[in-house]
Amino acid sequence: MSSFDTQVEFELPKGYVDENGQVHKHGIMRLANAADEILPLNDARVKMNPGYLSVLLLERVILKLGTLPKVDSQIIENLFTADMAFLQDLYQKINAIELPKVDVVCPKCSNGFTVATPFFE
């Protein structure tokens, strides 16, 4: 993903099986925004079961899954656990903060390399 990409294509390991038995594997996920993480917190399902937050987050950021007209919470709820884990991992990866990188040189061997640096206060 380049620094300007806001959507990522994915392929589910198993795929969502619809009521007609058709398997939907290919999809598109967009980057999350603040509302995606804040608004579901007011949902009664999340208040009763905080684990439901990931269902609502994925519902909001998955733009396409196969030929389905819409991805809703019922579809996310019916994913195989391998696909749910895959999507949660993808969500974390594409929305993670990328640490700044710095080119450094080893003082002993003079080899150069790049390292990610923590944020400084």
PDB file of N, CA and C in Angstrom:
ATOM      1  N   MET A   1       0.844  -1.177   0.000  1.00  0.00           N
ATOM      2  CA  MET A   1       0.000   0.000   0.000  1.00  0.00           C
ATOM      3  C   MET A   1       0.888   1.238   0.000  1.00  0.00           C
ATOM      4  N   SER A   2       0.721   2.129  -0.970  1.00  0.00           N
ATOM      5  CA  SER A   2       1.477   3.372  -0.972  1.00  0.00           C
ATOM      6  C   SER A   2       0.862   4.328   0.043  1.00  0.00           C
ATOM      7  N   SER A   3       1.561   5.413   0.341  1.00  0.00           N
ATOM      8  CA  SER A   3       1.096   6.328   1.377  1.00  0.00           C
ATOM      9  C   SER A   3      -0.196   7.053   1.001  1.00  0.00           C
ATOM     10  N   PHE A   4      -0.613   6.997  -0.288  1.00  0.00           N
ATOM     11  CA  PHE A   4      -1.822   7.694  -0.704  1.00  0.00           C
ATOM     12  C   PHE A   4      -2.999   6.763  -0.964  1.00  0.00           C
ATOM     13  N   ASP A   5      -2.801   5.482  -0.857  1.00  0.00           N
ATOM     14  CA  ASP A   5      -3.895   4.535  -1.071  1.00  0.00           C
ATOM     15  C   ASP A   5      -4.863   4.600   0.107  1.00  0.00           C
ATOM     16  N   THR A   6      -6.147   4.712  -0.201  1.00  0.00           N
ATOM     17  CA  THR A   6      -7.156   4.719   0.856  1.00  0.00           C
ATOM     18  C   THR A   6      -8.020   3.470   0.813  1.00  0.00           C
ATOM     19  N   GLN A   7      -7.787   2.619  -0.199  1.00  0.00           N
ATOM     20  CA  GLN A   7      -8.531   1.373  -0.321  1.00  0.00           C
ATOM     21  C   GLN A   7      -7.551   0.234  -0.598  1.00  0.00           C
ATOM     22  N   VAL A   8      -7.865  -0.929  -0.041  1.00  0.00           N
ATOM     23  CA  VAL A   8      -7.013  -2.095  -0.205  1.00  0.00           C
ATOM     24  C   VAL A   8      -7.879  -3.270  -0.645  1.00  0.00           C
ATOM     25  N   GLU A   9      -7.450  -3.948  -1.699  1.00  0.00           N
ATOM     26  CA  GLU A   9      -8.142  -5.154  -2.134  1.00  0.00           C
ATOM     27  C   GLU A   9      -7.668  -6.325  -1.279  1.00  0.00           C
ATOM     28  N   PHE A  10      -8.552  -7.294  -1.062  1.00  0.00           N
ATOM     29  CA  PHE A  10      -8.195  -8.474  -0.284  1.00  0.00           C
ATOM     30  C   PHE A  10      -8.888  -9.704  -0.839  1.00  0.00           C
ATOM     31  N   GLU A  11      -8.392 -10.859  -0.431  1.00  0.00           N
ATOM     32  CA  GLU A  11      -8.958 -12.154  -0.796  1.00  0.00           C
ATOM     33  C   GLU A  11      -9.115 -12.948   0.502  1.00  0.00           C
ATOM     34  N   LEU A  12     -10.349 -13.261   0.864  1.00  0.00           N
ATOM     35  CA  LEU A  12     -10.598 -14.013   2.095  1.00  0.00           C
ATOM     36  C   LEU A  12     -10.053 -15.437   1.980  1.00  0.00           C
ATOM     37  N   PRO A  13      -9.543 -15.984   3.080  1.00  0.00           N
ATOM     38  CA  PRO A  13      -9.030 -17.356   3.054  1.00  0.00           C
ATOM     39  C   PRO A  13     -10.105 -18.395   2.733  1.00  0.00           C
ATOM     40  N   LYS A  14     -11.298 -18.224   3.287  1.00  0.00           N
ATOM     41  CA  LYS A  14     -12.394 -19.183   3.073  1.00  0.00           C
ATOM     42  C   LYS A  14     -13.471 -18.600   2.166  1.00  0.00           C
ATOM     43  N   GLY A  15     -13.970 -17.433   2.504  1.00  0.00           N
ATOM     44  CA  GLY A  15     -15.009 -16.786   1.722  1.00  0.00           C
ATOM     45  C   GLY A  15     -16.361 -16.853   2.402  1.00  0.00           C
ATOM     46  N   TYR A  16     -17.154 -15.835   2.159  1.00  0.00           N
ATOM     47  CA  TYR A  16     -18.521 -15.776   2.682  1.00  0.00           C
ATOM     48  C   TYR A  16     -19.423 -16.567   1.747  1.00  0.00           C
ATOM     49  N   VAL A  17     -20.222 -17.468   2.317  1.00  0.00           N
ATOM     50  CA  VAL A  17     -21.161 -18.264   1.525  1.00  0.00           C
ATOM     51  C   VAL A  17     -22.554 -17.683   1.711  1.00  0.00           C
ATOM     52  N   ASP A  18     -23.142 -17.183   0.593  1.00  0.00           N
ATOM     53  CA  ASP A  18     -24.467 -16.574   0.690  1.00  0.00           C
ATOM     54  C   ASP A  18     -25.566 -17.641   0.706  1.00  0.00           C
ATOM     55  N   GLU A  19     -26.819 -17.189   0.779  1.00  0.00           N
ATOM     56  CA  GLU A  19     -27.957 -18.113   0.893  1.00  0.00           C
ATOM     57  C   GLU A  19     -28.131 -19.005  -0.334  1.00  0.00           C
ATOM     58  N   ASN A  20     -27.526 -18.637  -1.466  1.00  0.00           N
ATOM     59  CA  ASN A  20     -27.595 -19.452  -2.682  1.00  0.00           C
ATOM     60  C   ASN A  20     -26.394 -20.383  -2.837  1.00  0.00           C
ATOM     61  N   GLY A  21     -25.486 -20.350  -1.841  1.00  0.00           N
ATOM     62  CA  GLY A  21     -24.301 -21.200  -1.891  1.00  0.00           C
ATOM     63  C   GLY A  21     -23.140 -20.592  -2.655  1.00  0.00           C
ATOM     64  N   GLN A  22     -23.296 -19.351  -3.129  1.00  0.00           N
ATOM     65  CA  GLN A  22     -22.203 -18.686  -3.842  1.00  0.00           C
ATOM     66  C   GLN A  22     -21.166 -18.198  -2.838  1.00  0.00           C
ATOM     67  N   VAL A  23     -19.892 -18.408  -3.179  1.00  0.00           N
ATOM     68  CA  VAL A  23     -18.793 -18.001  -2.300  1.00  0.00           C
ATOM     69  C   VAL A  23     -18.259 -16.649  -2.771  1.00  0.00           C
ATOM     70  N   HIS A  24     -18.130 -15.714  -1.822  1.00  0.00           N
ATOM     71  CA  HIS A  24     -17.621 -14.368  -2.090  1.00  0.00           C
ATOM     72  C   HIS A  24     -16.301 -14.207  -1.336  1.00  0.00           C
ATOM     73  N   LYS A  25     -15.202 -14.061  -2.080  1.00  0.00           N
ATOM     74  CA  LYS A  25     -13.881 -13.987  -1.454  1.00  0.00           C
ATOM     75  C   LYS A  25     -13.172 -12.656  -1.671  1.00  0.00           C
ATOM     76  N   HIS A  26     -13.335 -12.080  -2.854  1.00  0.00           N
ATOM     77  CA  HIS A  26     -12.601 -10.864  -3.200  1.00  0.00           C
ATOM     78  C   HIS A  26     -13.343  -9.639  -2.668  1.00  0.00           C
ATOM     79  N   GLY A  27     -12.600  -8.733  -2.039  1.00  0.00           N
ATOM     80  CA  GLY A  27     -13.244  -7.546  -1.495  1.00  0.00           C
ATOM     81  C   GLY A  27     -12.335  -6.342  -1.484  1.00  0.00           C
ATOM     82  N   ILE A  28     -12.901  -5.241  -1.010  1.00  0.00           N
ATOM     83  CA  ILE A  28     -12.167  -3.983  -0.871  1.00  0.00           C
ATOM     84  C   ILE A  28     -12.472  -3.405   0.502  1.00  0.00           C
ATOM     85  N   MET A  29     -11.412  -3.021   1.202  1.00  0.00           N
ATOM     86  CA  MET A  29     -11.533  -2.356   2.505  1.00  0.00           C
ATOM     87  C   MET A  29     -10.918  -0.975   2.375  1.00  0.00           C
ATOM     88  N   ARG A  30     -11.578   0.011   2.967  1.00  0.00           N
ATOM     89  CA  ARG A  30     -11.027   1.366   2.977  1.00  0.00           C
ATOM     90  C   ARG A  30     -10.402   1.664   4.331  1.00  0.00           C
ATOM     91  N   LEU A  31      -9.570   2.690   4.348  1.00  0.00           N
ATOM     92  CA  LEU A  31      -9.010   3.150   5.618  1.00  0.00           C
ATOM     93  C   LEU A  31     -10.129   3.649   6.521  1.00  0.00           C
ATOM     94  N   ALA A  32      -9.979   3.465   7.801  1.00  0.00           N
ATOM     95  CA  ALA A  32     -10.963   3.927   8.773  1.00  0.00           C
ATOM     96  C   ALA A  32     -10.764   5.413   9.046  1.00  0.00           C
ATOM     97  N   ASN A  33     -11.859   6.061   9.435  1.00  0.00           N
ATOM     98  CA  ASN A  33     -11.761   7.441   9.896  1.00  0.00           C
ATOM     99  C   ASN A  33     -12.225   7.491  11.349  1.00  0.00           C
ATOM    100  N   ALA A  34     -12.160   8.648  11.947  1.00  0.00           N
ATOM    101  CA  ALA A  34     -12.506   8.776  13.365  1.00  0.00           C
ATOM    102  C   ALA A  34     -13.946   8.334  13.640  1.00  0.00           C
ATOM    103  N   ALA A  35     -14.868   8.695  12.759  1.00  0.00           N
ATOM    104  CA  ALA A  35     -16.273   8.326  12.960  1.00  0.00           C
ATOM    105  C   ALA A  35     -16.461   6.807  12.962  1.00  0.00           C
ATOM    106  N   ASP A  36     -15.674   6.114  12.156  1.00  0.00           N
ATOM    107  CA  ASP A  36     -15.781   4.656  12.109  1.00  0.00           C
ATOM    108  C   ASP A  36     -15.498   4.021  13.465  1.00  0.00           C
ATOM    109  N   GLU A  37     -14.611   4.624  14.220  1.00  0.00           N
ATOM    110  CA  GLU A  37     -14.253   4.066  15.522  1.00  0.00           C
ATOM    111  C   GLU A  37     -15.093   4.634  16.666  1.00  0.00           C
ATOM    112  N   ILE A  38     -15.671   5.810  16.470  1.00  0.00           N
ATOM    113  CA  ILE A  38     -16.434   6.452  17.540  1.00  0.00           C
ATOM    114  C   ILE A  38     -17.920   6.082  17.508  1.00  0.00           C
ATOM    115  N   LEU A  39     -18.552   6.182  16.345  1.00  0.00           N
ATOM    116  CA  LEU A  39     -20.003   5.985  16.250  1.00  0.00           C
ATOM    117  C   LEU A  39     -20.484   4.608  16.716  1.00  0.00           C
ATOM    118  N   PRO A  40     -19.782   3.518  16.395  1.00  0.00           N
ATOM    119  CA  PRO A  40     -20.262   2.215  16.876  1.00  0.00           C
ATOM    120  C   PRO A  40     -20.282   2.077  18.405  1.00  0.00           C
ATOM    121  N   LEU A  41     -19.535   2.912  19.105  1.00  0.00           N
ATOM    122  CA  LEU A  41     -19.518   2.834  20.572  1.00  0.00           C
ATOM    123  C   LEU A  41     -20.880   3.161  21.176  1.00  0.00           C
ATOM    124  N   ASN A  42     -21.739   3.869  20.430  1.00  0.00           N
ATOM    125  CA  ASN A  42     -23.075   4.204  20.912  1.00  0.00           C
ATOM    126  C   ASN A  42     -24.107   3.134  20.591  1.00  0.00           C
ATOM    127  N   ASP A  43     -23.725   2.136  19.829  1.00  0.00           N
ATOM    128  CA  ASP A  43     -24.642   1.068  19.432  1.00  0.00           C
ATOM    129  C   ASP A  43     -24.950   0.174  20.635  1.00  0.00           C
ATOM    130  N   ALA A  44     -26.221  -0.151  20.820  1.00  0.00           N
ATOM    131  CA  ALA A  44     -26.647  -0.978  21.966  1.00  0.00           C
ATOM    132  C   ALA A  44     -25.976  -2.345  21.960  1.00  0.00           C
ATOM    133  N   ARG A  45     -25.724  -2.903  20.773  1.00  0.00           N
ATOM    134  CA  ARG A  45     -25.079  -4.223  20.692  1.00  0.00           C
ATOM    135  C   ARG A  45     -23.665  -4.186  21.240  1.00  0.00           C
ATOM    136  N   VAL A  46     -22.975  -3.070  21.041  1.00  0.00           N
ATOM    137  CA  VAL A  46     -21.608  -2.917  21.558  1.00  0.00           C
ATOM    138  C   VAL A  46     -21.646  -2.703  23.068  1.00  0.00           C
ATOM    139  N   LYS A  47     -22.647  -1.965  23.539  1.00  0.00           N
ATOM    140  CA  LYS A  47     -22.767  -1.735  24.991  1.00  0.00           C
ATOM    141  C   LYS A  47     -23.060  -3.042  25.726  1.00  0.00           C
ATOM    142  N   MET A  48     -23.826  -3.938  25.091  1.00  0.00           N
ATOM    143  CA  MET A  48     -24.122  -5.232  25.716  1.00  0.00           C
ATOM    144  C   MET A  48     -22.951  -6.207  25.562  1.00  0.00           C
ATOM    145  N   ASN A  49     -22.212  -6.086  24.462  1.00  0.00           N
ATOM    146  CA  ASN A  49     -21.102  -6.998  24.187  1.00  0.00           C
ATOM    147  C   ASN A  49     -20.007  -6.226  23.461  1.00  0.00           C
ATOM    148  N   PRO A  50     -18.979  -5.743  24.188  1.00  0.00           N
ATOM    149  CA  PRO A  50     -17.919  -4.949  23.567  1.00  0.00           C
ATOM    150  C   PRO A  50     -17.221  -5.654  22.393  1.00  0.00           C
ATOM    151  N   GLY A  51     -17.253  -6.977  22.362  1.00  0.00           N
ATOM    152  CA  GLY A  51     -16.665  -7.717  21.262  1.00  0.00           C
ATOM    153  C   GLY A  51     -17.351  -7.462  19.930  1.00  0.00           C
ATOM    154  N   TYR A  52     -18.571  -6.953  19.979  1.00  0.00           N
ATOM    155  CA  TYR A  52     -19.332  -6.684  18.765  1.00  0.00           C
ATOM    156  C   TYR A  52     -18.795  -5.469  18.009  1.00  0.00           C
ATOM    157  N   LEU A  53     -17.946  -4.692  18.668  1.00  0.00           N
ATOM    158  CA  LEU A  53     -17.367  -3.508  18.036  1.00  0.00           C
ATOM    159  C   LEU A  53     -16.662  -3.870  16.736  1.00  0.00           C
ATOM    160  N   SER A  54     -15.926  -4.961  16.709  1.00  0.00           N
ATOM    161  CA  SER A  54     -15.192  -5.326  15.493  1.00  0.00           C
ATOM    162  C   SER A  54     -16.148  -5.635  14.343  1.00  0.00           C
ATOM    163  N   VAL A  55     -17.316  -6.188  14.632  1.00  0.00           N
ATOM    164  CA  VAL A  55     -18.313  -6.453  13.586  1.00  0.00           C
ATOM    165  C   VAL A  55     -18.749  -5.136  12.957  1.00  0.00           C
ATOM    166  N   LEU A  56     -19.053  -4.150  13.784  1.00  0.00           N
ATOM    167  CA  LEU A  56     -19.533  -2.866  13.274  1.00  0.00           C
ATOM    168  C   LEU A  56     -18.428  -2.086  12.567  1.00  0.00           C
ATOM    169  N   LEU A  57     -17.203  -2.190  13.052  1.00  0.00           N
ATOM    170  CA  LEU A  57     -16.082  -1.534  12.372  1.00  0.00           C
ATOM    171  C   LEU A  57     -15.908  -2.099  10.971  1.00  0.00           C
ATOM    172  N   LEU A  58     -15.901  -3.426  10.866  1.00  0.00           N
ATOM    173  CA  LEU A  58     -15.717  -4.053   9.559  1.00  0.00           C
ATOM    174  C   LEU A  58     -16.881  -3.744   8.620  1.00  0.00           C
ATOM    175  N   GLU A  59     -18.094  -3.710   9.166  1.00  0.00           N
ATOM    176  CA  GLU A  59     -19.267  -3.364   8.353  1.00  0.00           C
ATOM    177  C   GLU A  59     -19.093  -1.989   7.712  1.00  0.00           C
ATOM    178  N   ARG A  60     -18.491  -1.062   8.447  1.00  0.00           N
ATOM    179  CA  ARG A  60     -18.329   0.308   7.966  1.00  0.00           C
ATOM    180  C   ARG A  60     -17.219   0.441   6.928  1.00  0.00           C
ATOM    181  N   VAL A  61     -16.140  -0.342   7.051  1.00  0.00           N
ATOM    182  CA  VAL A  61     -14.970  -0.127   6.192  1.00  0.00           C
ATOM    183  C   VAL A  61     -14.869  -1.084   5.005  1.00  0.00           C
ATOM    184  N   ILE A  62     -15.640  -2.169   5.001  1.00  0.00           N
ATOM    185  CA  ILE A  62     -15.608  -3.068   3.850  1.00  0.00           C
ATOM    186  C   ILE A  62     -16.576  -2.521   2.803  1.00  0.00           C
ATOM    187  N   LEU A  63     -16.012  -2.072   1.693  1.00  0.00           N
ATOM    188  CA  LEU A  63     -16.800  -1.443   0.639  1.00  0.00           C
ATOM    189  C   LEU A  63     -17.420  -2.465  -0.300  1.00  0.00           C
ATOM    190  N   LYS A  64     -16.757  -3.600  -0.456  1.00  0.00           N
ATOM    191  CA  LYS A  64     -17.216  -4.584  -1.430  1.00  0.00           C
ATOM    192  C   LYS A  64     -16.776  -5.966  -0.984  1.00  0.00           C
ATOM    193  N   LEU A  65     -17.645  -6.940  -1.219  1.00  0.00           N
ATOM    194  CA  LEU A  65     -17.304  -8.341  -0.998  1.00  0.00           C
ATOM    195  C   LEU A  65     -17.988  -9.156  -2.085  1.00  0.00           C
ATOM    196  N   GLY A  66     -17.190  -9.648  -3.016  1.00  0.00           N
ATOM    197  CA  GLY A  66     -17.722 -10.416  -4.129  1.00  0.00           C
ATOM    198  C   GLY A  66     -18.758  -9.615  -4.889  1.00  0.00           C
ATOM    199  N   THR A  67     -19.888 -10.263  -5.176  1.00  0.00           N
ATOM    200  CA  THR A  67     -20.961  -9.594  -5.915  1.00  0.00           C
ATOM    201  C   THR A  67     -22.106  -9.145  -5.011  1.00  0.00           C
ATOM    202  N   LEU A  68     -21.870  -9.166  -3.697  1.00  0.00           N
ATOM    203  CA  LEU A  68     -22.908  -8.748  -2.762  1.00  0.00           C
ATOM    204  C   LEU A  68     -23.231  -7.266  -2.969  1.00  0.00           C
ATOM    205  N   PRO A  69     -24.505  -6.898  -2.909  1.00  0.00           N
ATOM    206  CA  PRO A  69     -24.860  -5.493  -3.100  1.00  0.00           C
ATOM    207  C   PRO A  69     -24.423  -4.609  -1.929  1.00  0.00           C
ATOM    208  N   LYS A  70     -24.320  -5.210  -0.734  1.00  0.00           N
ATOM    209  CA  LYS A  70     -23.969  -4.447   0.469  1.00  0.00           C
ATOM    210  C   LYS A  70     -23.372  -5.403   1.492  1.00  0.00           C
ATOM    211  N   VAL A  71     -22.432  -4.904   2.288  1.00  0.00           N
ATOM    212  CA  VAL A  71     -21.881  -5.691   3.396  1.00  0.00           C
ATOM    213  C   VAL A  71     -22.452  -5.112   4.681  1.00  0.00           C
ATOM    214  N   ASP A  72     -23.242  -5.912   5.388  1.00  0.00           N
ATOM    215  CA  ASP A  72     -23.847  -5.451   6.632  1.00  0.00           C
ATOM    216  C   ASP A  72     -23.391  -6.333   7.797  1.00  0.00           C
ATOM    217  N   SER A  73     -23.882  -6.012   8.989  1.00  0.00           N
ATOM    218  CA  SER A  73     -23.443  -6.742  10.189  1.00  0.00           C
ATOM    219  C   SER A  73     -23.816  -8.219  10.127  1.00  0.00           C
ATOM    220  N   GLN A  74     -24.935  -8.550   9.491  1.00  0.00           N
ATOM    221  CA  GLN A  74     -25.330  -9.956   9.389  1.00  0.00           C
ATOM    222  C   GLN A  74     -24.317 -10.749   8.557  1.00  0.00           C
ATOM    223  N   ILE A  75     -23.811 -10.154   7.500  1.00  0.00           N
ATOM    224  CA  ILE A  75     -22.784 -10.820   6.686  1.00  0.00           C
ATOM    225  C   ILE A  75     -21.516 -11.002   7.500  1.00  0.00           C
ATOM    226  N   ILE A  76     -21.083  -9.965   8.195  1.00  0.00           N
ATOM    227  CA  ILE A  76     -19.869 -10.062   9.022  1.00  0.00           C
ATOM    228  C   ILE A  76     -20.050 -11.134  10.098  1.00  0.00           C
ATOM    229  N   GLU A  77     -21.221 -11.184  10.720  1.00  0.00           N
ATOM    230  CA  GLU A  77     -21.496 -12.184  11.764  1.00  0.00           C
ATOM    231  C   GLU A  77     -21.403 -13.612  11.223  1.00  0.00           C
ATOM    232  N   ASN A  78     -21.699 -13.804   9.949  1.00  0.00           N
ATOM    233  CA  ASN A  78     -21.727 -15.139   9.369  1.00  0.00           C
ATOM    234  C   ASN A  78     -20.447 -15.528   8.645  1.00  0.00           C
ATOM    235  N   LEU A  79     -19.399 -14.734   8.793  1.00  0.00           N
ATOM    236  CA  LEU A  79     -18.108 -15.109   8.231  1.00  0.00           C
ATOM    237  C   LEU A  79     -17.510 -16.273   9.024  1.00  0.00           C
ATOM    238  N   PHE A  80     -16.731 -17.083   8.358  1.00  0.00           N
ATOM    239  CA  PHE A  80     -15.968 -18.113   9.074  1.00  0.00           C
ATOM    240  C   PHE A  80     -14.954 -17.408   9.970  1.00  0.00           C
ATOM    241  N   THR A  81     -14.587 -18.044  11.071  1.00  0.00           N
ATOM    242  CA  THR A  81     -13.667 -17.401  12.021  1.00  0.00           C
ATOM    243  C   THR A  81     -12.323 -17.071  11.380  1.00  0.00           C
ATOM    244  N   ALA A  82     -11.856 -17.895  10.444  1.00  0.00           N
ATOM    245  CA  ALA A  82     -10.591 -17.607   9.755  1.00  0.00           C
ATOM    246  C   ALA A  82     -10.700 -16.306   8.957  1.00  0.00           C
ATOM    247  N   ASP A  83     -11.850 -16.079   8.320  1.00  0.00           N
ATOM    248  CA  ASP A  83     -12.048 -14.852   7.552  1.00  0.00           C
ATOM    249  C   ASP A  83     -12.187 -13.641   8.470  1.00  0.00           C
ATOM    250  N   MET A  84     -12.860 -13.806   9.584  1.00  0.00           N
ATOM    251  CA  MET A  84     -13.007 -12.713  10.549  1.00  0.00           C
ATOM    252  C   MET A  84     -11.633 -12.307  11.084  1.00  0.00           C
ATOM    253  N   ALA A  85     -10.826 -13.286  11.446  1.00  0.00           N
ATOM    254  CA  ALA A  85      -9.478 -13.004  11.951  1.00  0.00           C
ATOM    255  C   ALA A  85      -8.639 -12.316  10.874  1.00  0.00           C
ATOM    256  N   PHE A  86      -8.754 -12.780   9.636  1.00  0.00           N
ATOM    257  CA  PHE A  86      -8.025 -12.175   8.517  1.00  0.00           C
ATOM    258  C   PHE A  86      -8.405 -10.701   8.369  1.00  0.00           C
ATOM    259  N   LEU A  87      -9.703 -10.400   8.400  1.00  0.00           N
ATOM    260  CA  LEU A  87     -10.166  -9.021   8.226  1.00  0.00           C
ATOM    261  C   LEU A  87      -9.770  -8.128   9.401  1.00  0.00           C
ATOM    262  N   GLN A  88      -9.814  -8.658  10.613  1.00  0.00           N
ATOM    263  CA  GLN A  88      -9.384  -7.873  11.778  1.00  0.00           C
ATOM    264  C   GLN A  88      -7.899  -7.542  11.671  1.00  0.00           C
ATOM    265  N   ASP A  89      -7.108  -8.511  11.230  1.00  0.00           N
ATOM    266  CA  ASP A  89      -5.669  -8.292  11.066  1.00  0.00           C
ATOM    267  C   ASP A  89      -5.407  -7.262   9.966  1.00  0.00           C
ATOM    268  N   LEU A  90      -6.121  -7.381   8.841  1.00  0.00           N
ATOM    269  CA  LEU A  90      -5.963  -6.421   7.751  1.00  0.00           C
ATOM    270  C   LEU A  90      -6.340  -5.012   8.213  1.00  0.00           C
ATOM    271  N   TYR A  91      -7.435  -4.897   8.963  1.00  0.00           N
ATOM    272  CA  TYR A  91      -7.869  -3.598   9.484  1.00  0.00           C
ATOM    273  C   TYR A  91      -6.746  -2.969  10.324  1.00  0.00           C
ATOM    274  N   GLN A  92      -6.160  -3.771  11.207  1.00  0.00           N
ATOM    275  CA  GLN A  92      -5.078  -3.263  12.057  1.00  0.00           C
ATOM    276  C   GLN A  92      -3.874  -2.829  11.224  1.00  0.00           C
ATOM    277  N   LYS A  93      -3.513  -3.622  10.231  1.00  0.00           N
ATOM    278  CA  LYS A  93      -2.335  -3.314   9.407  1.00  0.00           C
ATOM    279  C   LYS A  93      -2.514  -2.039   8.603  1.00  0.00           C
ATOM    280  N   ILE A  94      -3.657  -1.880   7.949  1.00  0.00           N
ATOM    281  CA  ILE A  94      -3.793  -0.714   7.075  1.00  0.00           C
ATOM    282  C   ILE A  94      -4.079   0.570   7.835  1.00  0.00           C
ATOM    283  N   ASN A  95      -4.508   0.457   9.099  1.00  0.00           N
ATOM    284  CA  ASN A  95      -4.797   1.650   9.893  1.00  0.00           C
ATOM    285  C   ASN A  95      -3.718   1.960  10.931  1.00  0.00           C
ATOM    286  N   ALA A  96      -2.641   1.192  10.928  1.00  0.00           N
ATOM    287  CA  ALA A  96      -1.562   1.398  11.906  1.00  0.00           C
ATOM    288  C   ALA A  96      -0.774   2.669  11.574  1.00  0.00           C
ATOM    289  N   ILE A  97      -0.223   3.245  12.600  1.00  0.00           N
ATOM    290  CA  ILE A  97       0.659   4.400  12.430  1.00  0.00           C
ATOM    291  C   ILE A  97       2.009   3.873  11.967  1.00  0.00           C
ATOM    292  N   GLU A  98       2.503   4.440  10.877  1.00  0.00           N
ATOM    293  CA  GLU A  98       3.822   4.031  10.391  1.00  0.00           C
ATOM    294  C   GLU A  98       4.874   4.884  11.088  1.00  0.00           C
ATOM    295  N   LEU A  99       5.818   4.223  11.741  1.00  0.00           N
ATOM    296  CA  LEU A  99       6.874   4.942  12.439  1.00  0.00           C
ATOM    297  C   LEU A  99       7.820   5.594  11.431  1.00  0.00           C
ATOM    298  N   PRO A 100       8.356   6.769  11.781  1.00  0.00           N
ATOM    299  CA  PRO A 100       9.325   7.395  10.888  1.00  0.00           C
ATOM    300  C   PRO A 100      10.564   6.518  10.753  1.00  0.00           C
ATOM    301  N   LYS A 101      11.188   6.562   9.571  1.00  0.00           N
ATOM    302  CA  LYS A 101      12.391   5.763   9.327  1.00  0.00           C
ATOM    303  C   LYS A 101      13.592   6.684   9.215  1.00  0.00           C
ATOM    304  N   VAL A 102      14.728   6.180   9.699  1.00  0.00           N
ATOM    305  CA  VAL A 102      15.964   6.951   9.694  1.00  0.00           C
ATOM    306  C   VAL A 102      17.072   6.078   9.127  1.00  0.00           C
ATOM    307  N   ASP A 103      17.891   6.649   8.246  1.00  0.00           N
ATOM    308  CA  ASP A 103      19.069   5.944   7.750  1.00  0.00           C
ATOM    309  C   ASP A 103      20.189   6.109   8.777  1.00  0.00           C
ATOM    310  N   VAL A 104      20.797   4.990   9.151  1.00  0.00           N
ATOM    311  CA  VAL A 104      21.875   5.013  10.149  1.00  0.00           C
ATOM    312  C   VAL A 104      23.073   4.229   9.623  1.00  0.00           C
ATOM    313  N   VAL A 105      24.218   4.461  10.258  1.00  0.00           N
ATOM    314  CA  VAL A 105      25.453   3.753   9.909  1.00  0.00           C
ATOM    315  C   VAL A 105      26.020   3.148  11.184  1.00  0.00           C
ATOM    316  N   CYS A 106      26.373   1.866  11.112  1.00  0.00           N
ATOM    317  CA  CYS A 106      26.962   1.176  12.259  1.00  0.00           C
ATOM    318  C   CYS A 106      28.348   1.760  12.532  1.00  0.00           C
ATOM    319  N   PRO A 107      28.599   2.178  13.778  1.00  0.00           N
ATOM    320  CA  PRO A 107      29.900   2.775  14.093  1.00  0.00           C
ATOM    321  C   PRO A 107      31.053   1.760  14.050  1.00  0.00           C
ATOM    322  N   LYS A 108      30.753   0.468  14.162  1.00  0.00           N
ATOM    323  CA  LYS A 108      31.819  -0.543  14.145  1.00  0.00           C
ATOM    324  C   LYS A 108      32.162  -1.020  12.735  1.00  0.00           C
ATOM    325  N   CYS A 109      31.142  -1.327  11.930  1.00  0.00           N
ATOM    326  CA  CYS A 109      31.416  -1.923  10.615  1.00  0.00           C
ATOM    327  C   CYS A 109      31.147  -0.969   9.453  1.00  0.00           C
ATOM    328  N   SER A 110      30.582   0.182   9.727  1.00  0.00           N
ATOM    329  CA  SER A 110      30.269   1.212   8.736  1.00  0.00           C
ATOM    330  C   SER A 110      29.197   0.802   7.721  1.00  0.00           C
ATOM    331  N   ASN A 111      28.457  -0.263   8.006  1.00  0.00           N
ATOM    332  CA  ASN A 111      27.343  -0.650   7.137  1.00  0.00           C
ATOM    333  C   ASN A 111      26.155   0.258   7.411  1.00  0.00           C
ATOM    334  N   GLY A 112      25.488   0.686   6.350  1.00  0.00           N
ATOM    335  CA  GLY A 112      24.308   1.527   6.494  1.00  0.00           C
ATOM    336  C   GLY A 112      23.036   0.702   6.416  1.00  0.00           C
ATOM    337  N   PHE A 113      22.013   1.144   7.117  1.00  0.00           N
ATOM    338  CA  PHE A 113      20.705   0.488   7.086  1.00  0.00           C
ATOM    339  C   PHE A 113      19.657   1.471   7.573  1.00  0.00           C
ATOM    340  N   THR A 114      18.402   1.102   7.398  1.00  0.00           N
ATOM    341  CA  THR A 114      17.279   1.948   7.788  1.00  0.00           C
ATOM    342  C   THR A 114      16.556   1.314   8.964  1.00  0.00           C
ATOM    343  N   VAL A 115      16.198   2.137   9.956  1.00  0.00           N
ATOM    344  CA  VAL A 115      15.458   1.636  11.112  1.00  0.00           C
ATOM    345  C   VAL A 115      14.243   2.523  11.363  1.00  0.00           C
ATOM    346  N   ALA A 116      13.185   1.913  11.907  1.00  0.00           N
ATOM    347  CA  ALA A 116      12.013   2.679  12.328  1.00  0.00           C
ATOM    348  C   ALA A 116      12.316   3.250  13.709  1.00  0.00           C
ATOM    349  N   THR A 117      11.933   4.505  13.914  1.00  0.00           N
ATOM    350  CA  THR A 117      12.233   5.149  15.181  1.00  0.00           C
ATOM    351  C   THR A 117      10.954   5.440  15.951  1.00  0.00           C
ATOM    352  N   PRO A 118      10.999   5.388  17.270  1.00  0.00           N
ATOM    353  CA  PRO A 118       9.816   5.765  18.056  1.00  0.00           C
ATOM    354  C   PRO A 118       9.640   7.279  17.990  1.00  0.00           C
ATOM    355  N   PHE A 119       8.444   7.718  18.303  1.00  0.00           N
ATOM    356  CA  PHE A 119       8.188   9.157  18.358  1.00  0.00           C
ATOM    357  C   PHE A 119       8.888   9.738  19.566  1.00  0.00           C
ATOM    358  N   PHE A 120       9.396  10.956  19.394  1.00  0.00           N
ATOM    359  CA  PHE A 120      10.086  11.625  20.481  1.00  0.00           C
ATOM    360  C   PHE A 120       9.164  12.652  21.107  1.00  0.00           C
ATOM    361  N   GLU A 121       9.309  12.855  22.394  1.00  0.00           N
ATOM    362  CA  GLU A 121       8.503  13.876  23.096  1.00  0.00           C
ATOM    363  C   GLU A 121       9.154  15.215  23.019  1.00  0.00           C
TER     364      GLU A 121
END
